[in-house]
Amino acid sequence: MAAIVKHLPIDQIHPDPRNPRQHPASQIRALARMIRECGVIVPGVVDADHMLLAGHARRLALIE
């Protein structure tokens, strides 16, 4: 199956509540700084319902 690339507003992307990874606030702040300086290089991955499969930390950093 081919990937479909779409730009979605951040409020339409829902984190997966089963995601086991925890991200400390310091990590999110550092990532937010990097995104401001370099931009997002690797996009998040969502399913058809806009449930986030990969990129939870990036989502939090973008919200910050």
Protein backbone atom coordinates (compact mmCIF):
# COMPACT_ATOMS: atom_id res chain seq x y z
CA MET A 1 0.00 0.00 0.00
CA ALA A 2 1.35 3.45 -0.88
CA ALA A 3 1.68 6.12 1.78
CA ILE A 4 -0.58 9.13 1.59
CA VAL A 5 0.97 12.43 2.65
CA LYS A 6 -1.40 15.00 4.12
CA HIS A 7 -0.98 18.12 6.21
CA LEU A 8 -3.33 18.08 9.19
CA PRO A 9 -3.99 20.72 11.83
CA ILE A 10 -2.41 19.64 15.11
CA ASP A 11 -5.83 19.60 16.83
CA GLN A 12 -7.02 16.89 14.41
CA ILE A 13 -4.22 14.50 15.44
CA HIS A 14 -5.10 12.36 18.45
CA PRO A 15 -2.43 10.69 20.59
CA ASP A 16 -2.74 6.95 21.07
CA PRO A 17 -3.68 6.42 24.73
CA ARG A 18 -1.88 3.04 24.60
CA ASN A 19 1.46 4.69 23.76
CA PRO A 20 3.82 3.43 26.51
CA ARG A 21 6.50 6.11 26.06
CA GLN A 22 6.73 8.98 28.49
CA HIS A 23 8.44 12.25 27.55
CA PRO A 24 9.79 14.52 30.29
CA ALA A 25 9.06 18.23 29.97
CA SER A 26 12.77 18.96 29.45
CA GLN A 27 12.84 16.67 26.41
CA ILE A 28 9.74 18.33 24.92
CA ARG A 29 11.22 21.82 25.45
CA ALA A 30 14.51 20.76 23.79
CA LEU A 31 12.63 19.22 20.87
CA ALA A 32 10.49 22.36 20.51
CA ARG A 33 13.69 24.45 20.32
CA MET A 34 15.11 22.16 17.64
CA ILE A 35 11.88 22.32 15.63
CA ARG A 36 11.90 26.14 15.79
CA GLU A 37 15.49 26.18 14.52
CA CYS A 38 15.37 23.39 11.91
CA GLY A 39 11.71 22.64 11.26
CA VAL A 40 10.09 19.22 11.32
CA ILE A 41 12.19 16.83 9.30
CA VAL A 42 10.39 13.56 10.03
CA PRO A 43 6.58 13.74 9.91
CA GLY A 44 4.30 12.00 12.36
CA VAL A 45 2.42 8.89 11.26
CA VAL A 46 -1.34 8.64 11.75
CA ASP A 47 -3.93 6.05 10.83
CA ALA A 48 -7.14 6.70 8.87
CA ASP A 49 -8.84 8.04 12.02
CA HIS A 50 -5.95 10.49 12.66
CA MET A 51 -4.75 8.41 15.64
CA LEU A 52 -1.05 9.06 16.10
CA LEU A 53 1.07 5.95 15.56
CA ALA A 54 4.51 7.61 15.66
CA GLY A 55 5.54 11.12 16.68
CA HIS A 56 4.01 11.65 20.10
CA ALA A 57 6.95 13.77 21.35
CA ARG A 58 6.94 15.85 18.16
CA ARG A 59 3.22 16.51 18.62
CA LEU A 60 3.77 17.72 22.18
CA ALA A 61 6.68 19.90 21.06
CA LEU A 62 4.59 21.44 18.27
CA ILE A 63 1.80 22.23 20.73
CA GLU A 64 4.34 23.90 23.01
